[in-house]
Amino acid sequence: MSRSIKKGPYVDQRLIAKFSNLKSGSKDIIKTWARRSAISPEMIGFTFGVHNGKEFIPVYVTEDMVGHHLGEFSSTTKFSRHGGKMQRELESKSAKSEAAKVNAVKATETKKK
């Protein structure tokens, strides 16, 4: 469920204090753990270091991001490809067996000629 329009977007007060002291477009990264804070138009041009549970991910705020939350741009989970080492070994074995079959067929065709 979304937040009531009457209440307005939530922005952490400490975060407001941090970026209000800086000039827009400055190269300083503002570190924050407030992933739930909504991005307001005053934040455009700042770079926020949004914590993902392990490290701070730099997020440069643009006009398209206004209305979204900081946490949306800093993923907390790492996508690991399915399969891994075992899957690669199985695929390489099947590729080798197919290549061996093709070579065997070619060898029998050349003997027939």
PDB file of N, CA and C in Angstrom:
ATOM      1  N   MET A   1       0.841  -1.160   0.000  1.00  0.00           N
ATOM      2  CA  MET A   1       0.000   0.000   0.000  1.00  0.00           C
ATOM      3  C   MET A   1       0.897   1.237   0.000  1.00  0.00           C
ATOM      4  N   SER A   2       0.544   2.222  -0.768  1.00  0.00           N
ATOM      5  CA  SER A   2       1.353   3.437  -0.873  1.00  0.00           C
ATOM      6  C   SER A   2       1.047   4.408   0.268  1.00  0.00           C
ATOM      7  N   ARG A   3       1.923   5.362   0.430  1.00  0.00           N
ATOM      8  CA  ARG A   3       1.787   6.358   1.488  1.00  0.00           C
ATOM      9  C   ARG A   3       0.680   7.354   1.121  1.00  0.00           C
ATOM     10  N   SER A   4      -0.017   7.851   2.132  1.00  0.00           N
ATOM     11  CA  SER A   4      -1.114   8.798   1.934  1.00  0.00           C
ATOM     12  C   SER A   4      -0.597  10.099   1.306  1.00  0.00           C
ATOM     13  N   ILE A   5      -1.338  10.642   0.376  1.00  0.00           N
ATOM     14  CA  ILE A   5      -0.968  11.901  -0.273  1.00  0.00           C
ATOM     15  C   ILE A   5      -0.972  13.036   0.743  1.00  0.00           C
ATOM     16  N   LYS A   6      -1.866  12.935   1.720  1.00  0.00           N
ATOM     17  CA  LYS A   6      -1.966  13.950   2.766  1.00  0.00           C
ATOM     18  C   LYS A   6      -0.649  14.061   3.549  1.00  0.00           C
ATOM     19  N   LYS A   7       0.014  12.943   3.777  1.00  0.00           N
ATOM     20  CA  LYS A   7       1.268  12.940   4.539  1.00  0.00           C
ATOM     21  C   LYS A   7       2.454  13.430   3.721  1.00  0.00           C
ATOM     22  N   GLY A   8       2.451  13.181   2.436  1.00  0.00           N
ATOM     23  CA  GLY A   8       3.574  13.573   1.591  1.00  0.00           C
ATOM     24  C   GLY A   8       4.684  12.533   1.622  1.00  0.00           C
ATOM     25  N   PRO A   9       5.700  12.704   0.790  1.00  0.00           N
ATOM     26  CA  PRO A   9       6.786  11.716   0.734  1.00  0.00           C
ATOM     27  C   PRO A   9       7.664  11.787   1.978  1.00  0.00           C
ATOM     28  N   TYR A  10       8.231  10.640   2.355  1.00  0.00           N
ATOM     29  CA  TYR A  10       9.106  10.582   3.521  1.00  0.00           C
ATOM     30  C   TYR A  10      10.551  10.804   3.088  1.00  0.00           C
ATOM     31  N   VAL A  11      11.205  11.763   3.714  1.00  0.00           N
ATOM     32  CA  VAL A  11      12.637  11.986   3.521  1.00  0.00           C
ATOM     33  C   VAL A  11      13.244  12.119   4.913  1.00  0.00           C
ATOM     34  N   ASP A  12      14.280  11.333   5.182  1.00  0.00           N
ATOM     35  CA  ASP A  12      14.928  11.334   6.489  1.00  0.00           C
ATOM     36  C   ASP A  12      15.484  12.725   6.803  1.00  0.00           C
ATOM     37  N   GLN A  13      15.241  13.212   8.015  1.00  0.00           N
ATOM     38  CA  GLN A  13      15.660  14.567   8.401  1.00  0.00           C
ATOM     39  C   GLN A  13      17.176  14.724   8.378  1.00  0.00           C
ATOM     40  N   ARG A  14      17.912  13.676   8.773  1.00  0.00           N
ATOM     41  CA  ARG A  14      19.380  13.750   8.743  1.00  0.00           C
ATOM     42  C   ARG A  14      19.885  13.880   7.309  1.00  0.00           C
ATOM     43  N   LEU A  15      19.194  13.211   6.405  1.00  0.00           N
ATOM     44  CA  LEU A  15      19.570  13.267   4.995  1.00  0.00           C
ATOM     45  C   LEU A  15      19.336  14.668   4.433  1.00  0.00           C
ATOM     46  N   ILE A  16      18.244  15.295   4.816  1.00  0.00           N
ATOM     47  CA  ILE A  16      17.956  16.668   4.384  1.00  0.00           C
ATOM     48  C   ILE A  16      19.048  17.607   4.875  1.00  0.00           C
ATOM     49  N   ALA A  17      19.461  17.427   6.122  1.00  0.00           N
ATOM     50  CA  ALA A  17      20.513  18.280   6.688  1.00  0.00           C
ATOM     51  C   ALA A  17      21.831  18.097   5.945  1.00  0.00           C
ATOM     52  N   LYS A  18      22.125  16.857   5.535  1.00  0.00           N
ATOM     53  CA  LYS A  18      23.388  16.588   4.840  1.00  0.00           C
ATOM     54  C   LYS A  18      23.438  17.257   3.472  1.00  0.00           C
ATOM     55  N   PHE A  19      22.371  17.097   2.662  1.00  0.00           N
ATOM     56  CA  PHE A  19      22.465  17.646   1.307  1.00  0.00           C
ATOM     57  C   PHE A  19      22.111  19.125   1.240  1.00  0.00           C
ATOM     58  N   SER A  20      21.493  19.676   2.274  1.00  0.00           N
ATOM     59  CA  SER A  20      21.212  21.114   2.254  1.00  0.00           C
ATOM     60  C   SER A  20      22.483  21.930   2.509  1.00  0.00           C
ATOM     61  N   ASN A  21      23.487  21.332   3.135  1.00  0.00           N
ATOM     62  CA  ASN A  21      24.753  22.027   3.384  1.00  0.00           C
ATOM     63  C   ASN A  21      25.675  22.029   2.169  1.00  0.00           C
ATOM     64  N   LEU A  22      25.407  21.181   1.178  1.00  0.00           N
ATOM     65  CA  LEU A  22      26.259  21.079  -0.005  1.00  0.00           C
ATOM     66  C   LEU A  22      25.622  21.784  -1.196  1.00  0.00           C
ATOM     67  N   LYS A  23      26.466  22.106  -2.192  1.00  0.00           N
ATOM     68  CA  LYS A  23      25.966  22.684  -3.435  1.00  0.00           C
ATOM     69  C   LYS A  23      25.609  21.557  -4.392  1.00  0.00           C
ATOM     70  N   SER A  24      24.583  21.767  -5.202  1.00  0.00           N
ATOM     71  CA  SER A  24      24.167  20.765  -6.168  1.00  0.00           C
ATOM     72  C   SER A  24      25.273  20.538  -7.189  1.00  0.00           C
ATOM     73  N   GLY A  25      25.498  19.288  -7.534  1.00  0.00           N
ATOM     74  CA  GLY A  25      26.525  18.944  -8.505  1.00  0.00           C
ATOM     75  C   GLY A  25      27.889  18.724  -7.884  1.00  0.00           C
ATOM     76  N   SER A  26      27.992  18.816  -6.560  1.00  0.00           N
ATOM     77  CA  SER A  26      29.291  18.591  -5.920  1.00  0.00           C
ATOM     78  C   SER A  26      29.667  17.118  -6.034  1.00  0.00           C
ATOM     79  N   LYS A  27      30.954  16.847  -6.025  1.00  0.00           N
ATOM     80  CA  LYS A  27      31.449  15.487  -6.223  1.00  0.00           C
ATOM     81  C   LYS A  27      31.426  14.660  -4.937  1.00  0.00           C
ATOM     82  N   ASP A  28      31.085  15.287  -3.806  1.00  0.00           N
ATOM     83  CA  ASP A  28      31.050  14.567  -2.539  1.00  0.00           C
ATOM     84  C   ASP A  28      29.927  13.535  -2.549  1.00  0.00           C
ATOM     85  N   ILE A  29      30.225  12.358  -2.008  1.00  0.00           N
ATOM     86  CA  ILE A  29      29.212  11.313  -1.889  1.00  0.00           C
ATOM     87  C   ILE A  29      28.608  11.404  -0.495  1.00  0.00           C
ATOM     88  N   ILE A  30      27.297  11.493  -0.441  1.00  0.00           N
ATOM     89  CA  ILE A  30      26.575  11.583   0.826  1.00  0.00           C
ATOM     90  C   ILE A  30      26.176  10.162   1.227  1.00  0.00           C
ATOM     91  N   LYS A  31      26.832   9.619   2.256  1.00  0.00           N
ATOM     92  CA  LYS A  31      26.534   8.260   2.692  1.00  0.00           C
ATOM     93  C   LYS A  31      25.240   8.235   3.489  1.00  0.00           C
ATOM     94  N   THR A  32      24.413   7.230   3.213  1.00  0.00           N
ATOM     95  CA  THR A  32      23.149   7.114   3.934  1.00  0.00           C
ATOM     96  C   THR A  32      22.721   5.658   4.053  1.00  0.00           C
ATOM     97  N   TRP A  33      22.071   5.370   5.158  1.00  0.00           N
ATOM     98  CA  TRP A  33      21.440   4.072   5.375  1.00  0.00           C
ATOM     99  C   TRP A  33      19.937   4.183   5.159  1.00  0.00           C
ATOM    100  N   ALA A  34      19.432   5.377   4.877  1.00  0.00           N
ATOM    101  CA  ALA A  34      17.990   5.638   4.754  1.00  0.00           C
ATOM    102  C   ALA A  34      17.502   5.266   3.360  1.00  0.00           C
ATOM    103  N   ARG A  35      17.392   3.971   3.100  1.00  0.00           N
ATOM    104  CA  ARG A  35      16.946   3.477   1.799  1.00  0.00           C
ATOM    105  C   ARG A  35      15.478   3.808   1.553  1.00  0.00           C
ATOM    106  N   ARG A  36      14.714   4.003   2.619  1.00  0.00           N
ATOM    107  CA  ARG A  36      13.276   4.249   2.504  1.00  0.00           C
ATOM    108  C   ARG A  36      12.947   5.685   2.127  1.00  0.00           C
ATOM    109  N   SER A  37      13.943   6.560   2.113  1.00  0.00           N
ATOM    110  CA  SER A  37      13.710   7.975   1.812  1.00  0.00           C
ATOM    111  C   SER A  37      13.354   8.164   0.341  1.00  0.00           C
ATOM    112  N   ALA A  38      12.311   8.939   0.110  1.00  0.00           N
ATOM    113  CA  ALA A  38      11.896   9.248  -1.257  1.00  0.00           C
ATOM    114  C   ALA A  38      12.821  10.315  -1.835  1.00  0.00           C
ATOM    115  N   ILE A  39      13.012  10.267  -3.140  1.00  0.00           N
ATOM    116  CA  ILE A  39      13.868  11.247  -3.811  1.00  0.00           C
ATOM    117  C   ILE A  39      13.019  12.467  -4.151  1.00  0.00           C
ATOM    118  N   SER A  40      13.446  13.618  -3.656  1.00  0.00           N
ATOM    119  CA  SER A  40      12.724  14.866  -3.896  1.00  0.00           C
ATOM    120  C   SER A  40      13.472  15.688  -4.953  1.00  0.00           C
ATOM    121  N   PRO A  41      12.829  16.685  -5.543  1.00  0.00           N
ATOM    122  CA  PRO A  41      13.489  17.502  -6.574  1.00  0.00           C
ATOM    123  C   PRO A  41      14.732  18.237  -6.068  1.00  0.00           C
ATOM    124  N   GLU A  42      14.819  18.495  -4.771  1.00  0.00           N
ATOM    125  CA  GLU A  42      15.994  19.181  -4.225  1.00  0.00           C
ATOM    126  C   GLU A  42      17.238  18.299  -4.265  1.00  0.00           C
ATOM    127  N   MET A  43      17.067  16.995  -4.426  1.00  0.00           N
ATOM    128  CA  MET A  43      18.190  16.053  -4.416  1.00  0.00           C
ATOM    129  C   MET A  43      18.854  15.901  -5.782  1.00  0.00           C
ATOM    130  N   ILE A  44      18.280  16.488  -6.825  1.00  0.00           N
ATOM    131  CA  ILE A  44      18.820  16.326  -8.179  1.00  0.00           C
ATOM    132  C   ILE A  44      20.226  16.905  -8.245  1.00  0.00           C
ATOM    133  N   GLY A  45      21.140  16.126  -8.800  1.00  0.00           N
ATOM    134  CA  GLY A  45      22.521  16.568  -8.970  1.00  0.00           C
ATOM    135  C   GLY A  45      23.461  16.082  -7.882  1.00  0.00           C
ATOM    136  N   PHE A  46      22.937  15.496  -6.821  1.00  0.00           N
ATOM    137  CA  PHE A  46      23.776  14.973  -5.745  1.00  0.00           C
ATOM    138  C   PHE A  46      24.055  13.490  -5.969  1.00  0.00           C
ATOM    139  N   THR A  47      25.153  13.020  -5.403  1.00  0.00           N
ATOM    140  CA  THR A  47      25.481  11.601  -5.429  1.00  0.00           C
ATOM    141  C   THR A  47      25.342  11.065  -4.013  1.00  0.00           C
ATOM    142  N   PHE A  48      24.509  10.051  -3.861  1.00  0.00           N
ATOM    143  CA  PHE A  48      24.282   9.431  -2.561  1.00  0.00           C
ATOM    144  C   PHE A  48      24.930   8.058  -2.538  1.00  0.00           C
ATOM    145  N   GLY A  49      25.578   7.741  -1.440  1.00  0.00           N
ATOM    146  CA  GLY A  49      26.103   6.398  -1.226  1.00  0.00           C
ATOM    147  C   GLY A  49      25.058   5.630  -0.441  1.00  0.00           C
ATOM    148  N   VAL A  50      24.281   4.795  -1.129  1.00  0.00           N
ATOM    149  CA  VAL A  50      23.173   4.082  -0.497  1.00  0.00           C
ATOM    150  C   VAL A  50      23.667   2.718  -0.030  1.00  0.00           C
ATOM    151  N   HIS A  51      23.485   2.427   1.246  1.00  0.00           N
ATOM    152  CA  HIS A  51      23.978   1.182   1.832  1.00  0.00           C
ATOM    153  C   HIS A  51      23.098   0.016   1.405  1.00  0.00           C
ATOM    154  N   ASN A  52      23.728  -1.073   0.942  1.00  0.00           N
ATOM    155  CA  ASN A  52      22.956  -2.240   0.520  1.00  0.00           C
ATOM    156  C   ASN A  52      23.077  -3.398   1.503  1.00  0.00           C
ATOM    157  N   GLY A  53      23.630  -3.140   2.676  1.00  0.00           N
ATOM    158  CA  GLY A  53      23.811  -4.178   3.672  1.00  0.00           C
ATOM    159  C   GLY A  53      25.256  -4.589   3.807  1.00  0.00           C
ATOM    160  N   LYS A  54      26.053  -4.297   2.778  1.00  0.00           N
ATOM    161  CA  LYS A  54      27.465  -4.664   2.783  1.00  0.00           C
ATOM    162  C   LYS A  54      28.347  -3.474   2.467  1.00  0.00           C
ATOM    163  N   GLU A  55      27.943  -2.688   1.477  1.00  0.00           N
ATOM    164  CA  GLU A  55      28.752  -1.549   1.051  1.00  0.00           C
ATOM    165  C   GLU A  55      27.836  -0.420   0.586  1.00  0.00           C
ATOM    166  N   PHE A  56      28.446   0.727   0.313  1.00  0.00           N
ATOM    167  CA  PHE A  56      27.688   1.885  -0.163  1.00  0.00           C
ATOM    168  C   PHE A  56      27.765   1.939  -1.686  1.00  0.00           C
ATOM    169  N   ILE A  57      26.618   1.916  -2.337  1.00  0.00           N
ATOM    170  CA  ILE A  57      26.524   1.970  -3.792  1.00  0.00           C
ATOM    171  C   ILE A  57      26.276   3.421  -4.191  1.00  0.00           C
ATOM    172  N   PRO A  58      27.162   4.023  -5.024  1.00  0.00           N
ATOM    173  CA  PRO A  58      26.941   5.416  -5.424  1.00  0.00           C
ATOM    174  C   PRO A  58      25.754   5.542  -6.386  1.00  0.00           C
ATOM    175  N   VAL A  59      24.849   6.454  -6.064  1.00  0.00           N
ATOM    176  CA  VAL A  59      23.657   6.698  -6.882  1.00  0.00           C
ATOM    177  C   VAL A  59      23.615   8.181  -7.206  1.00  0.00           C
ATOM    178  N   TYR A  60      23.772   8.528  -8.498  1.00  0.00           N
ATOM    179  CA  TYR A  60      23.685   9.917  -8.939  1.00  0.00           C
ATOM    180  C   TYR A  60      22.224  10.195  -9.277  1.00  0.00           C
ATOM    181  N   VAL A  61      21.632  11.173  -8.621  1.00  0.00           N
ATOM    182  CA  VAL A  61      20.198  11.455  -8.755  1.00  0.00           C
ATOM    183  C   VAL A  61      19.944  12.345  -9.969  1.00  0.00           C
ATOM    184  N   THR A  62      19.029  11.891 -10.837  1.00  0.00           N
ATOM    185  CA  THR A  62      18.612  12.657 -12.012  1.00  0.00           C
ATOM    186  C   THR A  62      17.113  12.953 -11.902  1.00  0.00           C
ATOM    187  N   GLU A  63      16.589  13.694 -12.863  1.00  0.00           N
ATOM    188  CA  GLU A  63      15.170  14.077 -12.847  1.00  0.00           C
ATOM    189  C   GLU A  63      14.244  12.872 -12.929  1.00  0.00           C
ATOM    190  N   ASP A  64      14.658  11.831 -13.647  1.00  0.00           N
ATOM    191  CA  ASP A  64      13.806  10.655 -13.821  1.00  0.00           C
ATOM    192  C   ASP A  64      13.578   9.901 -12.515  1.00  0.00           C
ATOM    193  N   MET A  65      14.450  10.096 -11.541  1.00  0.00           N
ATOM    194  CA  MET A  65      14.382   9.345 -10.288  1.00  0.00           C
ATOM    195  C   MET A  65      13.458   9.975  -9.249  1.00  0.00           C
ATOM    196  N   VAL A  66      12.996  11.190  -9.481  1.00  0.00           N
ATOM    197  CA  VAL A  66      12.163  11.891  -8.494  1.00  0.00           C
ATOM    198  C   VAL A  66      10.879  11.099  -8.261  1.00  0.00           C
ATOM    199  N   GLY A  67      10.550  10.893  -6.984  1.00  0.00           N
ATOM    200  CA  GLY A  67       9.364  10.127  -6.618  1.00  0.00           C
ATOM    201  C   GLY A  67       9.675   8.695  -6.240  1.00  0.00           C
ATOM    202  N   HIS A  68      10.827   8.188  -6.661  1.00  0.00           N
ATOM    203  CA  HIS A  68      11.238   6.837  -6.294  1.00  0.00           C
ATOM    204  C   HIS A  68      11.968   6.888  -4.955  1.00  0.00           C
ATOM    205  N   HIS A  69      12.336   5.740  -4.437  1.00  0.00           N
ATOM    206  CA  HIS A  69      13.069   5.667  -3.176  1.00  0.00           C
ATOM    207  C   HIS A  69      14.531   5.352  -3.456  1.00  0.00           C
ATOM    208  N   LEU A  70      15.427   5.771  -2.561  1.00  0.00           N
ATOM    209  CA  LEU A  70      16.860   5.541  -2.749  1.00  0.00           C
ATOM    210  C   LEU A  70      17.190   4.056  -2.818  1.00  0.00           C
ATOM    211  N   GLY A  71      16.482   3.250  -2.053  1.00  0.00           N
ATOM    212  CA  GLY A  71      16.746   1.818  -2.012  1.00  0.00           C
ATOM    213  C   GLY A  71      16.484   1.100  -3.316  1.00  0.00           C
ATOM    214  N   GLU A  72      15.696   1.690  -4.198  1.00  0.00           N
ATOM    215  CA  GLU A  72      15.394   1.055  -5.479  1.00  0.00           C
ATOM    216  C   GLU A  72      16.617   0.992  -6.388  1.00  0.00           C
ATOM    217  N   PHE A  73      17.599   1.843  -6.138  1.00  0.00           N
ATOM    218  CA  PHE A  73      18.758   1.936  -7.016  1.00  0.00           C
ATOM    219  C   PHE A  73      19.990   1.271  -6.418  1.00  0.00           C
ATOM    220  N   SER A  74      19.825   0.576  -5.309  1.00  0.00           N
ATOM    221  CA  SER A  74      20.922  -0.126  -4.654  1.00  0.00           C
ATOM    222  C   SER A  74      20.435  -1.518  -4.279  1.00  0.00           C
ATOM    223  N   SER A  75      20.724  -2.499  -5.112  1.00  0.00           N
ATOM    224  CA  SER A  75      20.239  -3.855  -4.906  1.00  0.00           C
ATOM    225  C   SER A  75      20.886  -4.489  -3.678  1.00  0.00           C
ATOM    226  N   THR A  76      20.085  -5.201  -2.897  1.00  0.00           N
ATOM    227  CA  THR A  76      20.601  -5.835  -1.682  1.00  0.00           C
ATOM    228  C   THR A  76      21.012  -7.276  -1.912  1.00  0.00           C
ATOM    229  N   THR A  77      20.605  -7.859  -3.020  1.00  0.00           N
ATOM    230  CA  THR A  77      20.959  -9.247  -3.301  1.00  0.00           C
ATOM    231  C   THR A  77      21.832  -9.322  -4.536  1.00  0.00           C
ATOM    232  N   LYS A  78      22.683 -10.319  -4.556  1.00  0.00           N
ATOM    233  CA  LYS A  78      23.579 -10.524  -5.688  1.00  0.00           C
ATOM    234  C   LYS A  78      23.004 -11.653  -6.531  1.00  0.00           C
ATOM    235  N   PHE A  79      22.813 -11.399  -7.813  1.00  0.00           N
ATOM    236  CA  PHE A  79      22.286 -12.436  -8.689  1.00  0.00           C
ATOM    237  C   PHE A  79      23.420 -13.359  -9.087  1.00  0.00           C
ATOM    238  N   SER A  80      23.275 -14.629  -8.748  1.00  0.00           N
ATOM    239  CA  SER A  80      24.262 -15.612  -9.182  1.00  0.00           C
ATOM    240  C   SER A  80      23.615 -16.471 -10.252  1.00  0.00           C
ATOM    241  N   ARG A  81      24.339 -16.654 -11.324  1.00  0.00           N
ATOM    242  CA  ARG A  81      23.821 -17.394 -12.463  1.00  0.00           C
ATOM    243  C   ARG A  81      23.547 -18.834 -12.047  1.00  0.00           C
ATOM    244  N   HIS A  82      22.466 -19.406 -12.512  1.00  0.00           N
ATOM    245  CA  HIS A  82      22.121 -20.778 -12.176  1.00  0.00           C
ATOM    246  C   HIS A  82      23.088 -21.737 -12.845  1.00  0.00           C
ATOM    247  N   GLY A  83      23.322 -22.844 -12.199  1.00  0.00           N
ATOM    248  CA  GLY A  83      24.174 -23.869 -12.790  1.00  0.00           C
ATOM    249  C   GLY A  83      25.508 -23.938 -12.096  1.00  0.00           C
ATOM    250  N   GLY A  84      26.361 -23.015 -12.382  1.00  0.00           N
ATOM    251  CA  GLY A  84      27.681 -22.985 -11.771  1.00  0.00           C
ATOM    252  C   GLY A  84      28.633 -23.972 -12.411  1.00  0.00           C
ATOM    253  N   LYS A  85      29.591 -24.460 -11.626  1.00  0.00           N
ATOM    254  CA  LYS A  85      30.664 -25.314 -12.131  1.00  0.00           C
ATOM    255  C   LYS A  85      30.136 -26.654 -12.647  1.00  0.00           C
ATOM    256  N   MET A  86      29.235 -27.276 -11.915  1.00  0.00           N
ATOM    257  CA  MET A  86      28.701 -28.573 -12.345  1.00  0.00           C
ATOM    258  C   MET A  86      27.975 -28.453 -13.679  1.00  0.00           C
ATOM    259  N   GLN A  87      27.186 -27.414 -13.836  1.00  0.00           N
ATOM    260  CA  GLN A  87      26.432 -27.233 -15.070  1.00  0.00           C
ATOM    261  C   GLN A  87      27.369 -27.021 -16.254  1.00  0.00           C
ATOM    262  N   ARG A  88      28.437 -26.246 -16.055  1.00  0.00           N
ATOM    263  CA  ARG A  88      29.400 -26.025 -17.138  1.00  0.00           C
ATOM    264  C   ARG A  88      30.081 -27.326 -17.533  1.00  0.00           C
ATOM    265  N   GLU A  89      30.416 -28.174 -16.538  1.00  0.00           N
ATOM    266  CA  GLU A  89      31.051 -29.454 -16.837  1.00  0.00           C
ATOM    267  C   GLU A  89      30.118 -30.345 -17.644  1.00  0.00           C
ATOM    268  N   LEU A  90      28.851 -30.399 -17.261  1.00  0.00           N
ATOM    269  CA  LEU A  90      27.883 -31.210 -18.000  1.00  0.00           C
ATOM    270  C   LEU A  90      27.712 -30.703 -19.426  1.00  0.00           C
ATOM    271  N   GLU A  91      27.647 -29.384 -19.582  1.00  0.00           N
ATOM    272  CA  GLU A  91      27.492 -28.812 -20.920  1.00  0.00           C
ATOM    273  C   GLU A  91      28.714 -29.086 -21.783  1.00  0.00           C
ATOM    274  N   SER A  92      29.906 -29.004 -21.196  1.00  0.00           N
ATOM    275  CA  SER A  92      31.121 -29.257 -21.982  1.00  0.00           C
ATOM    276  C   SER A  92      31.209 -30.727 -22.380  1.00  0.00           C
ATOM    277  N   LYS A  93      30.789 -31.640 -21.493  1.00  0.00           N
ATOM    278  CA  LYS A  93      30.788 -33.066 -21.834  1.00  0.00           C
ATOM    279  C   LYS A  93      29.829 -33.347 -22.977  1.00  0.00           C
ATOM    280  N   SER A  94      28.637 -32.765 -22.919  1.00  0.00           N
ATOM    281  CA  SER A  94      27.659 -33.001 -23.979  1.00  0.00           C
ATOM    282  C   SER A  94      28.136 -32.393 -25.297  1.00  0.00           C
ATOM    283  N   ALA A  95      28.802 -31.249 -25.236  1.00  0.00           N
ATOM    284  CA  ALA A  95      29.332 -30.628 -26.455  1.00  0.00           C
ATOM    285  C   ALA A  95      30.436 -31.494 -27.052  1.00  0.00           C
ATOM    286  N   LYS A  96      31.284 -32.067 -26.198  1.00  0.00           N
ATOM    287  CA  LYS A  96      32.360 -32.944 -26.687  1.00  0.00           C
ATOM    288  C   LYS A  96      31.789 -34.207 -27.319  1.00  0.00           C
ATOM    289  N   SER A  97      30.760 -34.782 -26.696  1.00  0.00           N
ATOM    290  CA  SER A  97      30.171 -36.003 -27.247  1.00  0.00           C
ATOM    291  C   SER A  97      29.497 -35.718 -28.589  1.00  0.00           C
ATOM    292  N   GLU A  98      28.847 -34.576 -28.714  1.00  0.00           N
ATOM    293  CA  GLU A  98      28.235 -34.212 -29.993  1.00  0.00           C
ATOM    294  C   GLU A  98      29.298 -34.003 -31.061  1.00  0.00           C
ATOM    295  N   ALA A  99      30.405 -33.359 -30.681  1.00  0.00           N
ATOM    296  CA  ALA A  99      31.497 -33.144 -31.631  1.00  0.00           C
ATOM    297  C   ALA A  99      32.098 -34.477 -32.059  1.00  0.00           C
ATOM    298  N   ALA A 100      32.210 -35.422 -31.130  1.00  0.00           N
ATOM    299  CA  ALA A 100      32.746 -36.746 -31.459  1.00  0.00           C
ATOM    300  C   ALA A 100      31.814 -37.468 -32.427  1.00  0.00           C
ATOM    301  N   LYS A 101      30.502 -37.340 -32.223  1.00  0.00           N
ATOM    302  CA  LYS A 101      29.537 -37.969 -33.126  1.00  0.00           C
ATOM    303  C   LYS A 101      29.650 -37.383 -34.528  1.00  0.00           C
ATOM    304  N   VAL A 102      29.778 -36.068 -34.613  1.00  0.00           N
ATOM    305  CA  VAL A 102      29.900 -35.402 -35.914  1.00  0.00           C
ATOM    306  C   VAL A 102      31.170 -35.861 -36.618  1.00  0.00           C
ATOM    307  N   ASN A 103      32.270 -35.958 -35.884  1.00  0.00           N
ATOM    308  CA  ASN A 103      33.536 -36.409 -36.473  1.00  0.00           C
ATOM    309  C   ASN A 103      33.433 -37.853 -36.938  1.00  0.00           C
ATOM    310  N   ALA A 104      32.733 -38.695 -36.184  1.00  0.00           N
ATOM    311  CA  ALA A 104      32.565 -40.095 -36.566  1.00  0.00           C
ATOM    312  C   ALA A 104      31.748 -40.196 -37.851  1.00  0.00           C
ATOM    313  N   VAL A 105      30.703 -39.409 -37.963  1.00  0.00           N
ATOM    314  CA  VAL A 105      29.872 -39.416 -39.172  1.00  0.00           C
ATOM    315  C   VAL A 105      30.690 -38.948 -40.370  1.00  0.00           C
ATOM    316  N   LYS A 106      31.489 -37.905 -40.191  1.00  0.00           N
ATOM    317  CA  LYS A 106      32.330 -37.405 -41.282  1.00  0.00           C
ATOM    318  C   LYS A 106      33.355 -38.448 -41.697  1.00  0.00           C
ATOM    319  N   ALA A 107      33.913 -39.166 -40.737  1.00  0.00           N
ATOM    320  CA  ALA A 107      34.917 -40.192 -41.038  1.00  0.00           C
ATOM    321  C   ALA A 107      34.294 -41.331 -41.832  1.00  0.00           C
ATOM    322  N   THR A 108      33.083 -41.758 -41.484  1.00  0.00           N
ATOM    323  CA  THR A 108      32.422 -42.842 -42.219  1.00  0.00           C
ATOM    324  C   THR A 108      32.055 -42.383 -43.625  1.00  0.00           C
ATOM    325  N   GLU A 109      31.681 -41.118 -43.780  1.00  0.00           N
ATOM    326  CA  GLU A 109      31.345 -40.603 -45.107  1.00  0.00           C
ATOM    327  C   GLU A 109      32.572 -40.561 -46.006  1.00  0.00           C
ATOM    328  N   THR A 110      33.717 -40.179 -45.466  1.00  0.00           N
ATOM    329  CA  THR A 110      34.935 -40.119 -46.282  1.00  0.00           C
ATOM    330  C   THR A 110      35.408 -41.515 -46.649  1.00  0.00           C
ATOM    331  N   LYS A 111      35.189 -42.523 -45.802  1.00  0.00           N
ATOM    332  CA  LYS A 111      35.575 -43.907 -46.113  1.00  0.00           C
ATOM    333  C   LYS A 111      34.705 -44.469 -47.223  1.00  0.00           C
ATOM    334  N   LYS A 112      33.421 -44.089 -47.255  1.00  0.00           N
ATOM    335  CA  LYS A 112      32.506 -44.583 -48.278  1.00  0.00           C
ATOM    336  C   LYS A 112      32.870 -44.053 -49.653  1.00  0.00           C
ATOM    337  N   LYS A 113      33.437 -42.877 -49.717  1.00  0.00           N
ATOM    338  CA  LYS A 113      33.768 -42.270 -51.008  1.00  0.00           C
ATOM    339  C   LYS A 113      35.008 -42.909 -51.498  1.00  0.00           C
TER     340      LYS A 113
END
